[in-house]
Amino acid sequence: MAQAGVRTATADDVATLAALHRETWRFGYAELLPREVLDGLDEPENAQAWAAAVDGGATVLIANEGDADVGFCVAGPAPAEEIAAADGTPPPDADSVVLISTLLVVPRWGRRGHGGRLLATASAQLREAGAQRGVAWVPAEDPASLGLYRRAGWELDNTVRTLDAGGRPLREVRVTGPLDLPLSGTP
């Protein structure tokens, strides 16, 4: 296997991030999301959203293997509504909770440790900034992502939401866990 790693995204990576986003969603979520939603990833607004993420203070990472960029992660401060209990009550540790808003690997590069390296690297950077715990929303029908978080010691917290994904309901479950993940041996 070629050398694998994780790097922090820069403004020069916007097109790469948009392409990774498009590819991971089209292959990974073809059964979950309507075609119109997936086709919308070609729009210039997608690249603009990535530019805003890179410039907006979020932790944006890219996984690579050899010369190929194979996955990405976006994480940062957790909006109150993303970490609150179902009744809207914030958790007692709200000030030290971050959101892993996206963590995806191109399917053909899956099962090679890229997701684990992305999560461990994001966790280390967020921990350095004072965070202690992370949350992520994962489609309930995405066993690969759920497995990644479980192997990292994260657990379902019994919070569920249903999003409108282009006229189709998308059920997501919330996972949560510590940010003290080891880089070596990470799934």
N, C-alpha and C. Protein backbone atom coordinates (compact mmCIF):
# COMPACT_ATOMS: atom_id res chain seq x y z
N MET A 1 0.85 -1.17 0.00
CA MET A 1 0.00 0.00 0.00
C MET A 1 0.89 1.24 0.00
N ALA A 2 0.48 2.23 -0.74
CA ALA A 2 1.20 3.51 -0.80
C ALA A 2 1.09 4.22 0.55
N GLN A 3 1.94 5.21 0.74
CA GLN A 3 1.92 6.01 1.96
C GLN A 3 0.56 6.70 2.11
N ALA A 4 -0.03 6.61 3.30
CA ALA A 4 -1.32 7.24 3.57
C ALA A 4 -1.13 8.32 4.62
N GLY A 5 -1.94 9.36 4.55
CA GLY A 5 -1.85 10.44 5.52
C GLY A 5 -3.07 11.31 5.53
N VAL A 6 -3.01 12.34 6.34
CA VAL A 6 -4.08 13.33 6.47
C VAL A 6 -3.43 14.69 6.48
N ARG A 7 -4.02 15.64 5.77
CA ARG A 7 -3.49 17.00 5.76
C ARG A 7 -4.63 17.98 5.95
N THR A 8 -4.28 19.16 6.40
CA THR A 8 -5.26 20.24 6.55
C THR A 8 -5.53 20.85 5.19
N ALA A 9 -6.80 21.02 4.88
CA ALA A 9 -7.19 21.61 3.59
C ALA A 9 -6.90 23.11 3.59
N THR A 10 -6.60 23.62 2.40
CA THR A 10 -6.38 25.05 2.20
C THR A 10 -7.31 25.53 1.10
N ALA A 11 -7.27 26.82 0.83
CA ALA A 11 -8.11 27.38 -0.24
C ALA A 11 -7.81 26.71 -1.58
N ASP A 12 -6.60 26.23 -1.77
CA ASP A 12 -6.25 25.54 -3.01
C ASP A 12 -6.95 24.20 -3.16
N ASP A 13 -7.56 23.69 -2.09
CA ASP A 13 -8.21 22.38 -2.11
C ASP A 13 -9.71 22.42 -2.35
N VAL A 14 -10.27 23.58 -2.60
CA VAL A 14 -11.72 23.70 -2.74
C VAL A 14 -12.26 22.78 -3.84
N ALA A 15 -11.64 22.77 -5.00
CA ALA A 15 -12.11 21.91 -6.09
C ALA A 15 -11.97 20.43 -5.71
N THR A 16 -10.90 20.09 -5.02
CA THR A 16 -10.70 18.71 -4.57
C THR A 16 -11.80 18.31 -3.59
N LEU A 17 -12.10 19.18 -2.63
CA LEU A 17 -13.15 18.90 -1.65
C LEU A 17 -14.51 18.74 -2.33
N ALA A 18 -14.82 19.61 -3.28
CA ALA A 18 -16.09 19.51 -4.00
C ALA A 18 -16.16 18.19 -4.76
N ALA A 19 -15.06 17.77 -5.37
CA ALA A 19 -15.05 16.51 -6.12
C ALA A 19 -15.19 15.31 -5.17
N LEU A 20 -14.50 15.34 -4.03
CA LEU A 20 -14.63 14.26 -3.06
C LEU A 20 -16.05 14.20 -2.50
N HIS A 21 -16.63 15.33 -2.21
CA HIS A 21 -18.01 15.41 -1.72
C HIS A 21 -18.96 14.77 -2.73
N ARG A 22 -18.82 15.18 -3.97
CA ARG A 22 -19.67 14.65 -5.04
C ARG A 22 -19.51 13.13 -5.17
N GLU A 23 -18.28 12.67 -5.21
CA GLU A 23 -18.04 11.24 -5.42
C GLU A 23 -18.51 10.39 -4.24
N THR A 24 -18.23 10.83 -3.01
CA THR A 24 -18.65 10.04 -1.85
C THR A 24 -20.16 9.98 -1.75
N TRP A 25 -20.83 11.08 -1.99
CA TRP A 25 -22.29 11.07 -1.90
C TRP A 25 -22.92 10.28 -3.04
N ARG A 26 -22.42 10.42 -4.24
CA ARG A 26 -23.02 9.71 -5.38
C ARG A 26 -22.88 8.20 -5.24
N PHE A 27 -21.78 7.74 -4.71
CA PHE A 27 -21.60 6.30 -4.56
C PHE A 27 -22.10 5.79 -3.22
N GLY A 28 -21.86 6.54 -2.17
CA GLY A 28 -22.24 6.08 -0.85
C GLY A 28 -23.70 6.28 -0.49
N TYR A 29 -24.32 7.30 -1.08
CA TYR A 29 -25.69 7.65 -0.70
C TYR A 29 -26.69 7.54 -1.85
N ALA A 30 -26.33 6.84 -2.91
CA ALA A 30 -27.22 6.71 -4.07
C ALA A 30 -28.57 6.11 -3.70
N GLU A 31 -28.58 5.23 -2.72
CA GLU A 31 -29.84 4.59 -2.29
C GLU A 31 -30.60 5.45 -1.27
N LEU A 32 -29.92 6.40 -0.66
CA LEU A 32 -30.53 7.18 0.41
C LEU A 32 -31.06 8.53 -0.04
N LEU A 33 -30.43 9.13 -1.05
CA LEU A 33 -30.78 10.49 -1.47
C LEU A 33 -31.34 10.50 -2.88
N PRO A 34 -32.28 11.40 -3.15
CA PRO A 34 -32.84 11.51 -4.49
C PRO A 34 -31.78 11.97 -5.50
N ARG A 35 -31.96 11.57 -6.72
CA ARG A 35 -31.04 11.92 -7.81
C ARG A 35 -30.85 13.44 -7.90
N GLU A 36 -31.92 14.22 -7.70
CA GLU A 36 -31.83 15.68 -7.81
C GLU A 36 -30.85 16.26 -6.79
N VAL A 37 -30.85 15.69 -5.59
CA VAL A 37 -29.93 16.15 -4.56
C VAL A 37 -28.50 15.85 -4.99
N LEU A 38 -28.27 14.64 -5.47
CA LEU A 38 -26.93 14.24 -5.90
C LEU A 38 -26.47 15.05 -7.11
N ASP A 39 -27.39 15.34 -8.03
CA ASP A 39 -27.04 16.16 -9.20
C ASP A 39 -26.68 17.58 -8.79
N GLY A 40 -27.28 18.07 -7.70
CA GLY A 40 -27.01 19.42 -7.23
C GLY A 40 -25.59 19.63 -6.74
N LEU A 41 -24.88 18.54 -6.54
CA LEU A 41 -23.48 18.65 -6.10
C LEU A 41 -22.58 19.17 -7.21
N ASP A 42 -23.09 19.24 -8.43
CA ASP A 42 -22.31 19.80 -9.54
C ASP A 42 -22.39 21.32 -9.59
N GLU A 43 -23.27 21.89 -8.82
CA GLU A 43 -23.51 23.33 -8.88
C GLU A 43 -22.34 24.12 -8.30
N PRO A 44 -22.13 25.34 -8.82
CA PRO A 44 -21.06 26.20 -8.28
C PRO A 44 -21.23 26.48 -6.79
N GLU A 45 -22.46 26.44 -6.30
CA GLU A 45 -22.69 26.69 -4.88
C GLU A 45 -21.97 25.67 -4.00
N ASN A 46 -21.80 24.45 -4.51
CA ASN A 46 -21.09 23.43 -3.74
C ASN A 46 -19.64 23.85 -3.50
N ALA A 47 -18.97 24.33 -4.54
CA ALA A 47 -17.59 24.80 -4.39
C ALA A 47 -17.55 26.03 -3.49
N GLN A 48 -18.54 26.90 -3.60
CA GLN A 48 -18.59 28.08 -2.74
C GLN A 48 -18.74 27.68 -1.27
N ALA A 49 -19.55 26.66 -1.02
CA ALA A 49 -19.73 26.18 0.35
C ALA A 49 -18.42 25.63 0.90
N TRP A 50 -17.66 24.94 0.05
CA TRP A 50 -16.37 24.42 0.51
C TRP A 50 -15.38 25.56 0.76
N ALA A 51 -15.40 26.57 -0.06
CA ALA A 51 -14.52 27.72 0.16
C ALA A 51 -14.85 28.37 1.51
N ALA A 52 -16.14 28.49 1.80
CA ALA A 52 -16.55 29.08 3.08
C ALA A 52 -16.11 28.21 4.25
N ALA A 53 -16.19 26.90 4.10
CA ALA A 53 -15.78 26.00 5.19
C ALA A 53 -14.28 26.12 5.46
N VAL A 54 -13.50 26.14 4.40
CA VAL A 54 -12.04 26.24 4.55
C VAL A 54 -11.65 27.58 5.17
N ASP A 55 -12.32 28.64 4.74
CA ASP A 55 -11.99 29.99 5.23
C ASP A 55 -12.69 30.34 6.53
N GLY A 56 -13.67 29.53 6.94
CA GLY A 56 -14.52 29.90 8.06
C GLY A 56 -14.09 29.42 9.43
N GLY A 57 -12.91 28.86 9.55
CA GLY A 57 -12.44 28.46 10.86
C GLY A 57 -12.75 27.02 11.25
N ALA A 58 -13.42 26.27 10.38
CA ALA A 58 -13.67 24.86 10.68
C ALA A 58 -12.38 24.07 10.50
N THR A 59 -12.31 22.92 11.11
CA THR A 59 -11.22 21.98 10.87
C THR A 59 -11.62 21.19 9.63
N VAL A 60 -10.90 21.38 8.54
CA VAL A 60 -11.19 20.69 7.28
C VAL A 60 -9.94 19.89 6.91
N LEU A 61 -10.12 18.59 6.81
CA LEU A 61 -9.00 17.69 6.56
C LEU A 61 -9.24 16.86 5.31
N ILE A 62 -8.15 16.45 4.67
CA ILE A 62 -8.22 15.59 3.49
C ILE A 62 -7.32 14.38 3.75
N ALA A 63 -7.86 13.19 3.53
CA ALA A 63 -7.07 11.96 3.61
C ALA A 63 -6.51 11.67 2.23
N ASN A 64 -5.29 11.14 2.22
CA ASN A 64 -4.69 10.79 0.94
C ASN A 64 -3.95 9.47 1.06
N GLU A 65 -3.80 8.86 -0.10
CA GLU A 65 -3.00 7.64 -0.21
C GLU A 65 -2.19 7.78 -1.49
N GLY A 66 -0.89 7.79 -1.34
CA GLY A 66 -0.04 8.08 -2.49
C GLY A 66 -0.39 9.47 -3.01
N ASP A 67 -0.64 9.57 -4.30
CA ASP A 67 -1.01 10.85 -4.91
C ASP A 67 -2.51 11.11 -4.93
N ALA A 68 -3.30 10.17 -4.43
CA ALA A 68 -4.76 10.29 -4.50
C ALA A 68 -5.34 10.87 -3.22
N ASP A 69 -6.25 11.84 -3.37
CA ASP A 69 -7.04 12.35 -2.26
C ASP A 69 -8.26 11.44 -2.17
N VAL A 70 -8.51 10.86 -0.99
CA VAL A 70 -9.47 9.77 -0.89
C VAL A 70 -10.61 9.99 0.10
N GLY A 71 -10.56 11.05 0.90
CA GLY A 71 -11.62 11.29 1.86
C GLY A 71 -11.46 12.65 2.50
N PHE A 72 -12.44 13.03 3.30
CA PHE A 72 -12.42 14.36 3.93
C PHE A 72 -13.20 14.35 5.22
N CYS A 73 -12.92 15.34 6.04
CA CYS A 73 -13.60 15.52 7.32
C CYS A 73 -13.75 17.01 7.58
N VAL A 74 -14.90 17.39 8.08
CA VAL A 74 -15.14 18.77 8.51
C VAL A 74 -15.65 18.71 9.94
N ALA A 75 -15.03 19.48 10.81
CA ALA A 75 -15.41 19.48 12.21
C ALA A 75 -15.21 20.87 12.79
N GLY A 76 -15.90 21.13 13.89
CA GLY A 76 -15.74 22.41 14.54
C GLY A 76 -16.73 22.58 15.66
N PRO A 77 -16.89 23.81 16.11
CA PRO A 77 -17.83 24.08 17.20
C PRO A 77 -19.22 23.52 16.87
N ALA A 78 -19.85 22.97 17.88
CA ALA A 78 -21.16 22.36 17.69
C ALA A 78 -22.27 23.36 17.97
N PRO A 79 -23.10 23.65 16.98
CA PRO A 79 -24.27 24.50 17.24
C PRO A 79 -25.16 23.86 18.30
N ALA A 80 -25.77 24.67 19.12
CA ALA A 80 -26.58 24.18 20.24
C ALA A 80 -27.61 23.15 19.80
N GLU A 81 -28.27 23.38 18.68
CA GLU A 81 -29.32 22.46 18.24
C GLU A 81 -28.77 21.09 17.80
N GLU A 82 -27.50 21.02 17.48
CA GLU A 82 -26.90 19.75 17.05
C GLU A 82 -26.55 18.84 18.22
N ILE A 83 -26.38 19.41 19.41
CA ILE A 83 -25.96 18.61 20.57
C ILE A 83 -27.01 18.53 21.66
N ALA A 84 -28.10 19.26 21.51
CA ALA A 84 -29.14 19.29 22.54
C ALA A 84 -29.88 17.95 22.61
N ALA A 85 -30.48 17.69 23.76
CA ALA A 85 -31.35 16.54 23.92
C ALA A 85 -32.59 16.75 23.05
N ALA A 86 -33.38 15.71 22.90
CA ALA A 86 -34.58 15.79 22.06
C ALA A 86 -35.52 16.90 22.52
N ASP A 87 -35.51 17.23 23.81
CA ASP A 87 -36.38 18.30 24.31
C ASP A 87 -35.74 19.68 24.21
N GLY A 88 -34.55 19.76 23.61
CA GLY A 88 -33.87 21.04 23.43
C GLY A 88 -32.91 21.42 24.53
N THR A 89 -32.81 20.61 25.57
CA THR A 89 -31.93 20.90 26.69
C THR A 89 -30.47 20.68 26.28
N PRO A 90 -29.62 21.69 26.52
CA PRO A 90 -28.20 21.49 26.18
C PRO A 90 -27.53 20.55 27.18
N PRO A 91 -26.52 19.82 26.74
CA PRO A 91 -25.81 18.95 27.68
C PRO A 91 -24.97 19.79 28.63
N PRO A 92 -24.66 19.26 29.80
CA PRO A 92 -23.88 20.03 30.77
C PRO A 92 -22.48 20.39 30.27
N ASP A 93 -21.95 19.60 29.34
CA ASP A 93 -20.61 19.87 28.81
C ASP A 93 -20.63 20.57 27.45
N ALA A 94 -21.71 21.29 27.17
CA ALA A 94 -21.90 21.89 25.84
C ALA A 94 -20.71 22.72 25.37
N ASP A 95 -20.03 23.38 26.29
CA ASP A 95 -18.90 24.23 25.90
C ASP A 95 -17.69 23.45 25.40
N SER A 96 -17.65 22.16 25.67
CA SER A 96 -16.50 21.37 25.25
C SER A 96 -16.86 20.28 24.24
N VAL A 97 -18.04 20.45 23.60
CA VAL A 97 -18.50 19.48 22.60
C VAL A 97 -18.33 20.07 21.20
N VAL A 98 -17.83 19.25 20.29
CA VAL A 98 -17.66 19.67 18.90
C VAL A 98 -18.46 18.74 17.99
N LEU A 99 -18.69 19.22 16.78
CA LEU A 99 -19.47 18.47 15.80
C LEU A 99 -18.56 17.99 14.68
N ILE A 100 -18.56 16.70 14.43
CA ILE A 100 -17.95 16.16 13.22
C ILE A 100 -19.08 16.21 12.20
N SER A 101 -19.10 17.26 11.39
CA SER A 101 -20.25 17.46 10.51
C SER A 101 -20.20 16.56 9.29
N THR A 102 -19.02 16.20 8.85
CA THR A 102 -18.88 15.30 7.70
C THR A 102 -17.57 14.54 7.84
N LEU A 103 -17.64 13.24 7.60
CA LEU A 103 -16.44 12.41 7.54
C LEU A 103 -16.75 11.29 6.56
N LEU A 104 -16.18 11.38 5.38
CA LEU A 104 -16.47 10.39 4.33
C LEU A 104 -15.22 10.02 3.57
N VAL A 105 -15.17 8.78 3.13
CA VAL A 105 -14.09 8.26 2.31
C VAL A 105 -14.70 7.71 1.03
N VAL A 106 -14.05 7.97 -0.09
CA VAL A 106 -14.52 7.43 -1.38
C VAL A 106 -14.60 5.91 -1.22
N PRO A 107 -15.75 5.31 -1.57
CA PRO A 107 -15.94 3.88 -1.31
C PRO A 107 -14.82 2.96 -1.81
N ARG A 108 -14.27 3.22 -2.96
CA ARG A 108 -13.22 2.31 -3.46
C ARG A 108 -11.94 2.38 -2.61
N TRP A 109 -11.82 3.40 -1.76
CA TRP A 109 -10.67 3.54 -0.86
C TRP A 109 -11.03 3.15 0.57
N GLY A 110 -12.22 2.63 0.77
CA GLY A 110 -12.68 2.27 2.10
C GLY A 110 -11.95 1.07 2.68
N ARG A 111 -12.11 0.91 3.99
CA ARG A 111 -11.54 -0.22 4.72
C ARG A 111 -10.01 -0.26 4.69
N ARG A 112 -9.41 0.93 4.57
CA ARG A 112 -7.95 1.01 4.56
C ARG A 112 -7.43 1.94 5.66
N GLY A 113 -8.31 2.31 6.59
CA GLY A 113 -7.90 3.14 7.72
C GLY A 113 -8.02 4.63 7.52
N HIS A 114 -8.48 5.07 6.35
CA HIS A 114 -8.56 6.51 6.10
C HIS A 114 -9.56 7.21 7.01
N GLY A 115 -10.73 6.60 7.22
CA GLY A 115 -11.72 7.20 8.10
C GLY A 115 -11.20 7.33 9.53
N GLY A 116 -10.55 6.30 10.01
CA GLY A 116 -9.98 6.34 11.35
C GLY A 116 -8.91 7.41 11.49
N ARG A 117 -8.06 7.54 10.46
CA ARG A 117 -7.02 8.58 10.51
C ARG A 117 -7.65 9.97 10.49
N LEU A 118 -8.69 10.15 9.67
CA LEU A 118 -9.37 11.45 9.65
C LEU A 118 -9.97 11.77 11.01
N LEU A 119 -10.67 10.80 11.60
CA LEU A 119 -11.31 11.04 12.90
C LEU A 119 -10.26 11.29 13.99
N ALA A 120 -9.19 10.51 14.00
CA ALA A 120 -8.15 10.70 15.02
C ALA A 120 -7.45 12.05 14.86
N THR A 121 -7.18 12.45 13.62
CA THR A 121 -6.51 13.73 13.40
C THR A 121 -7.42 14.90 13.78
N ALA A 122 -8.68 14.83 13.36
CA ALA A 122 -9.63 15.89 13.73
C ALA A 122 -9.77 15.94 15.25
N SER A 123 -9.89 14.78 15.88
CA SER A 123 -10.04 14.74 17.34
C SER A 123 -8.85 15.37 18.04
N ALA A 124 -7.64 15.07 17.58
CA ALA A 124 -6.44 15.64 18.20
C ALA A 124 -6.42 17.15 18.06
N GLN A 125 -6.75 17.66 16.88
CA GLN A 125 -6.74 19.11 16.68
C GLN A 125 -7.81 19.79 17.53
N LEU A 126 -8.98 19.18 17.61
CA LEU A 126 -10.07 19.77 18.40
C LEU A 126 -9.77 19.69 19.90
N ARG A 127 -9.14 18.62 20.32
CA ARG A 127 -8.75 18.48 21.72
C ARG A 127 -7.73 19.56 22.10
N GLU A 128 -6.80 19.84 21.20
CA GLU A 128 -5.82 20.90 21.45
C GLU A 128 -6.50 22.25 21.65
N ALA A 129 -7.66 22.42 21.03
CA ALA A 129 -8.41 23.68 21.16
C ALA A 129 -9.34 23.66 22.38
N GLY A 130 -9.30 22.59 23.18
CA GLY A 130 -10.08 22.55 24.40
C GLY A 130 -11.31 21.67 24.39
N ALA A 131 -11.63 21.06 23.28
CA ALA A 131 -12.81 20.19 23.21
C ALA A 131 -12.52 18.86 23.91
N GLN A 132 -13.57 18.25 24.44
CA GLN A 132 -13.44 16.97 25.13
C GLN A 132 -14.25 15.85 24.49
N ARG A 133 -15.34 16.22 23.84
CA ARG A 133 -16.26 15.20 23.32
C ARG A 133 -16.75 15.64 21.95
N GLY A 134 -17.03 14.65 21.11
CA GLY A 134 -17.55 14.95 19.78
C GLY A 134 -18.91 14.30 19.57
N VAL A 135 -19.66 14.88 18.65
CA VAL A 135 -20.91 14.27 18.20
C VAL A 135 -20.89 14.27 16.68
N ALA A 136 -21.63 13.34 16.11
CA ALA A 136 -21.80 13.28 14.66
C ALA A 136 -23.19 12.72 14.38
N TRP A 137 -23.79 13.21 13.32
CA TRP A 137 -25.07 12.69 12.84
C TRP A 137 -24.76 11.80 11.64
N VAL A 138 -25.28 10.58 11.66
CA VAL A 138 -24.98 9.59 10.64
C VAL A 138 -26.29 9.01 10.11
N PRO A 139 -26.43 8.88 8.79
CA PRO A 139 -27.64 8.22 8.28
C PRO A 139 -27.79 6.84 8.94
N ALA A 140 -28.98 6.56 9.42
CA ALA A 140 -29.23 5.29 10.11
C ALA A 140 -28.92 4.10 9.21
N GLU A 141 -29.00 4.29 7.91
CA GLU A 141 -28.75 3.20 6.96
C GLU A 141 -27.34 3.29 6.36
N ASP A 142 -26.38 3.79 7.12
CA ASP A 142 -24.99 3.87 6.68
C ASP A 142 -24.12 3.04 7.62
N PRO A 143 -24.11 1.71 7.42
CA PRO A 143 -23.39 0.85 8.36
C PRO A 143 -21.88 1.10 8.38
N ALA A 144 -21.30 1.53 7.27
CA ALA A 144 -19.85 1.78 7.26
C ALA A 144 -19.50 2.92 8.21
N SER A 145 -20.24 4.03 8.14
CA SER A 145 -19.94 5.16 9.02
C SER A 145 -20.25 4.83 10.48
N LEU A 146 -21.37 4.16 10.71
CA LEU A 146 -21.70 3.77 12.08
C LEU A 146 -20.62 2.85 12.65
N GLY A 147 -20.13 1.93 11.83
CA GLY A 147 -19.07 1.03 12.28
C GLY A 147 -17.78 1.76 12.61
N LEU A 148 -17.43 2.76 11.80
CA LEU A 148 -16.23 3.55 12.06
C LEU A 148 -16.30 4.20 13.45
N TYR A 149 -17.41 4.86 13.72
CA TYR A 149 -17.55 5.53 15.02
C TYR A 149 -17.57 4.52 16.17
N ARG A 150 -18.24 3.40 15.98
CA ARG A 150 -18.27 2.39 17.04
C ARG A 150 -16.87 1.86 17.34
N ARG A 151 -16.10 1.58 16.30
CA ARG A 151 -14.74 1.08 16.51
C ARG A 151 -13.86 2.12 17.21
N ALA A 152 -14.20 3.38 17.07
CA ALA A 152 -13.45 4.45 17.74
C ALA A 152 -13.94 4.67 19.18
N GLY A 153 -14.91 3.88 19.61
CA GLY A 153 -15.40 4.00 20.98
C GLY A 153 -16.58 4.94 21.14
N TRP A 154 -17.13 5.43 20.02
CA TRP A 154 -18.29 6.30 20.10
C TRP A 154 -19.54 5.42 20.14
N GLU A 155 -20.60 5.98 20.73
CA GLU A 155 -21.83 5.23 20.90
C GLU A 155 -23.04 6.04 20.45
N LEU A 156 -24.09 5.32 20.09
CA LEU A 156 -25.37 5.98 19.83
C LEU A 156 -25.85 6.59 21.14
N ASP A 157 -26.43 7.80 21.05
CA ASP A 157 -26.94 8.41 22.29
C ASP A 157 -28.47 8.44 22.30
N ASN A 158 -29.08 7.64 21.44
CA ASN A 158 -30.54 7.48 21.37
C ASN A 158 -31.27 8.73 20.89
N THR A 159 -30.56 9.62 20.19
CA THR A 159 -31.20 10.79 19.61
C THR A 159 -31.29 10.56 18.10
N VAL A 160 -32.47 10.80 17.57
CA VAL A 160 -32.75 10.55 16.16
C VAL A 160 -33.39 11.80 15.57
N ARG A 161 -33.12 12.05 14.31
CA ARG A 161 -33.81 13.13 13.61
C ARG A 161 -34.10 12.66 12.19
N THR A 162 -35.09 13.29 11.59
CA THR A 162 -35.43 12.98 10.20
C THR A 162 -35.33 14.27 9.41
N LEU A 163 -34.50 14.25 8.38
CA LEU A 163 -34.30 15.41 7.52
C LEU A 163 -35.09 15.24 6.23
N ASP A 164 -35.43 16.35 5.62
CA ASP A 164 -36.05 16.32 4.29
C ASP A 164 -34.91 16.38 3.28
N ALA A 165 -34.65 15.28 2.63
CA ALA A 165 -33.57 15.18 1.64
C ALA A 165 -34.19 15.23 0.25
N GLY A 166 -34.54 16.43 -0.18
CA GLY A 166 -35.12 16.58 -1.51
C GLY A 166 -36.45 15.88 -1.65
N GLY A 167 -37.28 15.93 -0.62
CA GLY A 167 -38.59 15.31 -0.67
C GLY A 167 -38.61 13.87 -0.17
N ARG A 168 -37.48 13.36 0.22
CA ARG A 168 -37.39 12.00 0.75
C ARG A 168 -36.87 12.10 2.19
N PRO A 169 -37.54 11.43 3.13
CA PRO A 169 -37.06 11.49 4.51
C PRO A 169 -35.73 10.75 4.67
N LEU A 170 -34.83 11.35 5.42
CA LEU A 170 -33.53 10.74 5.71
C LEU A 170 -33.39 10.69 7.23
N ARG A 171 -33.42 9.49 7.77
CA ARG A 171 -33.33 9.30 9.22
C ARG A 171 -31.85 9.25 9.61
N GLU A 172 -31.49 10.10 10.58
CA GLU A 172 -30.13 10.13 11.09
C GLU A 172 -30.12 9.82 12.58
N VAL A 173 -29.07 9.16 13.01
CA VAL A 173 -28.86 8.88 14.43
C VAL A 173 -27.63 9.64 14.88
N ARG A 174 -27.61 10.00 16.15
CA ARG A 174 -26.46 10.75 16.67
C ARG A 174 -25.55 9.81 17.45
N VAL A 175 -24.26 9.94 17.15
CA VAL A 175 -23.24 9.20 17.90
C VAL A 175 -22.39 10.21 18.65
N THR A 176 -21.82 9.77 19.75
CA THR A 176 -20.99 10.66 20.55
C THR A 176 -19.86 9.86 21.19
N GLY A 177 -18.77 10.55 21.42
CA GLY A 177 -17.64 9.87 22.04
C GLY A 177 -16.52 10.80 22.38
N PRO A 178 -15.52 10.25 23.06
CA PRO A 178 -14.37 11.05 23.48
C PRO A 178 -13.47 11.40 22.31
N LEU A 179 -12.67 12.43 22.50
CA LEU A 179 -11.74 12.87 21.46
C LEU A 179 -10.32 12.37 21.71
N ASP A 180 -10.12 11.56 22.72
CA ASP A 180 -8.77 11.06 23.01
C ASP A 180 -8.52 9.74 22.27
N LEU A 181 -8.52 9.84 20.95
CA LEU A 181 -8.34 8.67 20.10
C LEU A 181 -6.88 8.50 19.71
N PRO A 182 -6.37 7.28 19.77
CA PRO A 182 -5.00 7.05 19.31
C PRO A 182 -4.95 7.05 17.79
N LEU A 183 -3.89 7.57 17.22
CA LEU A 183 -3.76 7.55 15.76
C LEU A 183 -3.39 6.16 15.28
N SER A 184 -2.43 5.52 15.91
CA SER A 184 -2.07 4.17 15.47
C SER A 184 -3.09 3.18 16.00
N GLY A 185 -3.44 2.24 15.17
CA GLY A 185 -4.43 1.24 15.56
C GLY A 185 -5.85 1.73 15.44
N THR A 186 -6.04 2.95 14.94
CA THR A 186 -7.39 3.47 14.75
C THR A 186 -8.00 2.79 13.56
N PRO A 187 -9.31 2.45 13.63
CA PRO A 187 -9.95 1.75 12.51
C PRO A 187 -9.88 2.54 11.23
